[in-house]
Amino acid sequence: MELVTVKTKFQVVIPQSIRKRVGLGVGDLLEASFENGKITFTPKAVNDRHLAEGMEDLARGRTHGPYESATEAISALERRAGRRNKNLRKRK
C-alpha cells in the first residue's frame, strides 16, 4: 500500500508503480466513485478519452463541414491530408 497526499487543490498523484500496473497515460479518463467509506478510481476505455477530446474540439469550434455529400466530405479530408492527387491516381 502506498500513501499519497491531498494537495491544496484536492489533487493527488497516483504512484508510478500503480500507473504502470494499470496502464494509465496522460489524458486517460478515470471514473471516481465513493462507496463504504472508500474512494475508487476506475480507468475508462480509450474510446472515452477520444470522445472527450472530440467533444472539446466541438465546444471550441474546431469542426469541418457541413458537407452536402459523403463525396464532398471525403474530398475535403483528402485535401487536408495532402493525399488527393495520389488517391485519385489509385482509383483510376
N, C-alpha and C. Protein backbone atom coordinates (compact mmCIF):
# COMPACT_ATOMS: atom_id res chain seq x y z
N MET A 1 0.85 -1.18 0.00
CA MET A 1 0.00 0.00 0.00
C MET A 1 0.89 1.23 0.00
N GLU A 2 0.51 2.20 -0.84
CA GLU A 2 1.27 3.44 -0.92
C GLU A 2 0.40 4.59 -0.46
N LEU A 3 1.00 5.52 0.27
CA LEU A 3 0.28 6.69 0.75
C LEU A 3 0.49 7.85 -0.21
N VAL A 4 -0.56 8.66 -0.39
CA VAL A 4 -0.46 9.87 -1.20
C VAL A 4 -0.99 11.03 -0.38
N THR A 5 -0.62 12.24 -0.74
CA THR A 5 -1.03 13.43 -0.02
C THR A 5 -2.05 14.19 -0.86
N VAL A 6 -3.09 14.69 -0.21
CA VAL A 6 -4.06 15.54 -0.89
C VAL A 6 -3.47 16.95 -0.91
N LYS A 7 -3.31 17.51 -2.10
CA LYS A 7 -2.69 18.84 -2.26
C LYS A 7 -3.73 19.93 -2.05
N THR A 8 -3.31 21.20 -2.17
CA THR A 8 -4.18 22.33 -1.87
C THR A 8 -5.41 22.40 -2.77
N LYS A 9 -5.33 21.94 -3.99
CA LYS A 9 -6.49 21.94 -4.89
C LYS A 9 -7.16 20.57 -4.94
N PHE A 10 -6.98 19.81 -3.87
CA PHE A 10 -7.52 18.46 -3.73
C PHE A 10 -7.02 17.51 -4.82
N GLN A 11 -5.79 17.74 -5.27
CA GLN A 11 -5.18 16.86 -6.25
C GLN A 11 -4.34 15.83 -5.53
N VAL A 12 -4.27 14.63 -6.13
CA VAL A 12 -3.40 13.59 -5.63
C VAL A 12 -2.60 13.04 -6.81
N VAL A 13 -1.42 12.54 -6.52
CA VAL A 13 -0.58 11.93 -7.55
C VAL A 13 -0.69 10.42 -7.39
N ILE A 14 -1.04 9.75 -8.48
CA ILE A 14 -1.12 8.29 -8.45
C ILE A 14 0.31 7.78 -8.58
N PRO A 15 0.77 6.97 -7.64
CA PRO A 15 2.15 6.49 -7.67
C PRO A 15 2.49 5.78 -9.00
N GLN A 16 3.73 5.95 -9.43
CA GLN A 16 4.19 5.40 -10.70
C GLN A 16 3.97 3.89 -10.79
N SER A 17 4.23 3.18 -9.72
CA SER A 17 4.07 1.73 -9.75
C SER A 17 2.63 1.33 -10.06
N ILE A 18 1.68 2.08 -9.52
CA ILE A 18 0.26 1.79 -9.78
C ILE A 18 -0.11 2.21 -11.20
N ARG A 19 0.36 3.38 -11.64
CA ARG A 19 0.09 3.83 -13.02
C ARG A 19 0.57 2.81 -14.03
N LYS A 20 1.76 2.26 -13.81
CA LYS A 20 2.31 1.27 -14.74
C LYS A 20 1.48 -0.01 -14.74
N ARG A 21 1.09 -0.48 -13.56
CA ARG A 21 0.30 -1.72 -13.46
C ARG A 21 -1.06 -1.58 -14.14
N VAL A 22 -1.65 -0.39 -14.04
CA VAL A 22 -2.96 -0.16 -14.64
C VAL A 22 -2.84 0.26 -16.10
N GLY A 23 -1.69 0.80 -16.48
CA GLY A 23 -1.50 1.27 -17.85
C GLY A 23 -2.08 2.65 -18.11
N LEU A 24 -2.04 3.51 -17.10
CA LEU A 24 -2.56 4.87 -17.24
C LEU A 24 -1.59 5.76 -17.98
N GLY A 25 -2.13 6.64 -18.81
CA GLY A 25 -1.32 7.62 -19.51
C GLY A 25 -1.92 8.99 -19.35
N VAL A 26 -1.17 10.00 -19.74
CA VAL A 26 -1.65 11.38 -19.68
C VAL A 26 -2.89 11.49 -20.57
N GLY A 27 -3.94 12.08 -20.04
CA GLY A 27 -5.16 12.27 -20.79
C GLY A 27 -6.18 11.15 -20.63
N ASP A 28 -5.80 10.04 -20.00
CA ASP A 28 -6.75 8.96 -19.77
C ASP A 28 -7.82 9.42 -18.78
N LEU A 29 -8.99 8.84 -18.90
CA LEU A 29 -10.10 9.20 -18.02
C LEU A 29 -10.24 8.18 -16.90
N LEU A 30 -10.58 8.68 -15.70
CA LEU A 30 -10.87 7.83 -14.56
C LEU A 30 -12.27 8.15 -14.07
N GLU A 31 -13.03 7.13 -13.74
CA GLU A 31 -14.34 7.32 -13.14
C GLU A 31 -14.16 7.29 -11.62
N ALA A 32 -14.62 8.33 -10.93
CA ALA A 32 -14.49 8.42 -9.48
C ALA A 32 -15.80 8.00 -8.84
N SER A 33 -15.70 7.17 -7.79
CA SER A 33 -16.90 6.77 -7.07
C SER A 33 -16.57 6.66 -5.58
N PHE A 34 -17.62 6.69 -4.77
CA PHE A 34 -17.48 6.59 -3.31
C PHE A 34 -18.47 5.56 -2.81
N GLU A 35 -17.95 4.58 -2.06
CA GLU A 35 -18.81 3.54 -1.50
C GLU A 35 -18.17 2.96 -0.26
N ASN A 36 -18.96 2.81 0.78
CA ASN A 36 -18.49 2.22 2.04
C ASN A 36 -17.23 2.91 2.57
N GLY A 37 -17.19 4.23 2.49
CA GLY A 37 -16.06 4.97 3.03
C GLY A 37 -14.80 4.94 2.18
N LYS A 38 -14.87 4.41 0.96
CA LYS A 38 -13.69 4.31 0.08
C LYS A 38 -13.93 5.08 -1.21
N ILE A 39 -12.88 5.77 -1.65
CA ILE A 39 -12.89 6.44 -2.95
C ILE A 39 -12.22 5.49 -3.92
N THR A 40 -12.87 5.26 -5.05
CA THR A 40 -12.33 4.35 -6.06
C THR A 40 -12.23 5.07 -7.40
N PHE A 41 -11.11 4.92 -8.07
CA PHE A 41 -10.93 5.44 -9.42
C PHE A 41 -10.84 4.25 -10.36
N THR A 42 -11.69 4.24 -11.38
CA THR A 42 -11.72 3.15 -12.35
C THR A 42 -11.37 3.70 -13.73
N PRO A 43 -10.31 3.18 -14.37
CA PRO A 43 -9.97 3.66 -15.71
C PRO A 43 -11.11 3.39 -16.69
N LYS A 44 -11.36 4.35 -17.56
CA LYS A 44 -12.37 4.19 -18.59
C LYS A 44 -11.67 3.85 -19.91
N ALA A 45 -12.42 3.32 -20.84
CA ALA A 45 -11.86 2.88 -22.12
C ALA A 45 -11.22 4.04 -22.87
N VAL A 46 -10.24 3.73 -23.70
CA VAL A 46 -9.56 4.75 -24.51
C VAL A 46 -10.56 5.47 -25.39
N ASN A 47 -11.60 4.78 -25.85
CA ASN A 47 -12.62 5.42 -26.67
C ASN A 47 -13.26 6.59 -25.94
N ASP A 48 -13.42 6.46 -24.63
CA ASP A 48 -13.98 7.56 -23.85
C ASP A 48 -13.09 8.79 -23.93
N ARG A 49 -11.78 8.59 -23.91
CA ARG A 49 -10.85 9.72 -23.99
C ARG A 49 -10.98 10.40 -25.34
N HIS A 50 -11.06 9.60 -26.42
CA HIS A 50 -11.19 10.18 -27.76
C HIS A 50 -12.52 10.91 -27.91
N LEU A 51 -13.56 10.37 -27.32
CA LEU A 51 -14.86 11.04 -27.35
C LEU A 51 -14.77 12.38 -26.61
N ALA A 52 -14.12 12.38 -25.46
CA ALA A 52 -13.96 13.62 -24.69
C ALA A 52 -13.15 14.64 -25.48
N GLU A 53 -12.11 14.20 -26.17
CA GLU A 53 -11.31 15.12 -26.99
C GLU A 53 -12.15 15.67 -28.14
N GLY A 54 -12.96 14.82 -28.75
CA GLY A 54 -13.82 15.27 -29.84
C GLY A 54 -14.85 16.28 -29.37
N MET A 55 -15.41 16.03 -28.19
CA MET A 55 -16.38 16.97 -27.63
C MET A 55 -15.73 18.31 -27.30
N GLU A 56 -14.48 18.26 -26.84
CA GLU A 56 -13.75 19.51 -26.56
C GLU A 56 -13.51 20.27 -27.86
N ASP A 57 -13.11 19.56 -28.92
CA ASP A 57 -12.94 20.20 -30.22
C ASP A 57 -14.23 20.87 -30.67
N LEU A 58 -15.34 20.17 -30.54
CA LEU A 58 -16.64 20.70 -30.94
C LEU A 58 -16.97 21.96 -30.14
N ALA A 59 -16.75 21.92 -28.82
CA ALA A 59 -17.04 23.06 -27.96
C ALA A 59 -16.19 24.27 -28.32
N ARG A 60 -14.97 24.03 -28.81
CA ARG A 60 -14.07 25.13 -29.18
C ARG A 60 -14.22 25.55 -30.63
N GLY A 61 -15.18 24.92 -31.33
CA GLY A 61 -15.44 25.31 -32.71
C GLY A 61 -14.49 24.71 -33.73
N ARG A 62 -13.72 23.71 -33.33
CA ARG A 62 -12.78 23.07 -34.26
C ARG A 62 -13.52 21.95 -35.00
N THR A 63 -14.29 22.35 -36.00
CA THR A 63 -15.07 21.38 -36.77
C THR A 63 -14.86 21.62 -38.25
N HIS A 64 -15.33 20.71 -39.06
CA HIS A 64 -15.30 20.82 -40.51
C HIS A 64 -16.70 20.61 -41.02
N GLY A 65 -16.98 21.14 -42.21
CA GLY A 65 -18.30 20.93 -42.78
C GLY A 65 -19.23 22.05 -42.38
N PRO A 66 -20.52 21.89 -42.58
CA PRO A 66 -21.19 20.67 -43.06
C PRO A 66 -20.93 20.45 -44.54
N TYR A 67 -21.07 19.24 -44.96
CA TYR A 67 -20.86 18.85 -46.35
C TYR A 67 -22.19 18.44 -46.97
N GLU A 68 -22.30 18.69 -48.26
CA GLU A 68 -23.53 18.33 -48.98
C GLU A 68 -23.62 16.83 -49.25
N SER A 69 -22.46 16.15 -49.31
CA SER A 69 -22.46 14.72 -49.62
C SER A 69 -21.24 14.07 -49.00
N ALA A 70 -21.26 12.74 -48.99
CA ALA A 70 -20.11 11.99 -48.49
C ALA A 70 -18.90 12.23 -49.39
N THR A 71 -19.13 12.33 -50.69
CA THR A 71 -18.03 12.58 -51.63
C THR A 71 -17.36 13.91 -51.33
N GLU A 72 -18.16 14.93 -51.04
CA GLU A 72 -17.59 16.24 -50.69
C GLU A 72 -16.77 16.16 -49.41
N ALA A 73 -17.25 15.43 -48.41
CA ALA A 73 -16.52 15.27 -47.15
C ALA A 73 -15.20 14.54 -47.38
N ILE A 74 -15.22 13.48 -48.19
CA ILE A 74 -14.01 12.72 -48.47
C ILE A 74 -12.99 13.58 -49.19
N SER A 75 -13.45 14.37 -50.15
CA SER A 75 -12.55 15.27 -50.88
C SER A 75 -11.88 16.27 -49.94
N ALA A 76 -12.66 16.81 -49.02
CA ALA A 76 -12.09 17.78 -48.06
C ALA A 76 -11.04 17.11 -47.18
N LEU A 77 -11.33 15.89 -46.73
CA LEU A 77 -10.35 15.17 -45.90
C LEU A 77 -9.08 14.86 -46.68
N GLU A 78 -9.23 14.46 -47.93
CA GLU A 78 -8.05 14.15 -48.75
C GLU A 78 -7.21 15.39 -48.99
N ARG A 79 -7.86 16.53 -49.23
CA ARG A 79 -7.10 17.77 -49.43
C ARG A 79 -6.31 18.12 -48.18
N ARG A 80 -6.97 17.99 -47.03
CA ARG A 80 -6.29 18.32 -45.77
C ARG A 80 -5.11 17.40 -45.51
N ALA A 81 -5.22 16.18 -45.89
CA ALA A 81 -4.15 15.21 -45.65
C ALA A 81 -3.07 15.29 -46.72
N GLY A 82 -3.31 16.04 -47.78
CA GLY A 82 -2.32 16.16 -48.83
C GLY A 82 -2.21 14.91 -49.69
N ARG A 83 -3.25 14.09 -49.71
CA ARG A 83 -3.20 12.84 -50.44
C ARG A 83 -4.12 12.83 -51.66
N ARG A 84 -4.74 13.93 -51.97
CA ARG A 84 -5.76 13.94 -53.02
C ARG A 84 -5.23 13.42 -54.34
N ASN A 85 -4.14 13.93 -54.82
CA ASN A 85 -3.61 13.50 -56.12
C ASN A 85 -3.22 12.04 -56.12
N LYS A 86 -2.58 11.59 -55.08
CA LYS A 86 -2.14 10.20 -55.00
C LYS A 86 -3.34 9.25 -55.00
N ASN A 87 -4.36 9.57 -54.26
CA ASN A 87 -5.55 8.71 -54.18
C ASN A 87 -6.34 8.71 -55.47
N LEU A 88 -6.38 9.86 -56.17
CA LEU A 88 -7.12 9.90 -57.45
C LEU A 88 -6.46 8.98 -58.48
N ARG A 89 -5.14 8.96 -58.48
CA ARG A 89 -4.42 8.07 -59.42
C ARG A 89 -4.71 6.62 -59.11
N LYS A 90 -4.81 6.26 -57.84
CA LYS A 90 -5.07 4.87 -57.44
C LYS A 90 -6.47 4.43 -57.85
N ARG A 91 -7.45 5.34 -57.84
CA ARG A 91 -8.82 4.99 -58.13
C ARG A 91 -9.06 4.72 -59.61
N LYS A 92 -8.24 5.31 -60.48
CA LYS A 92 -8.46 5.17 -61.93
C LYS A 92 -8.03 3.83 -62.46
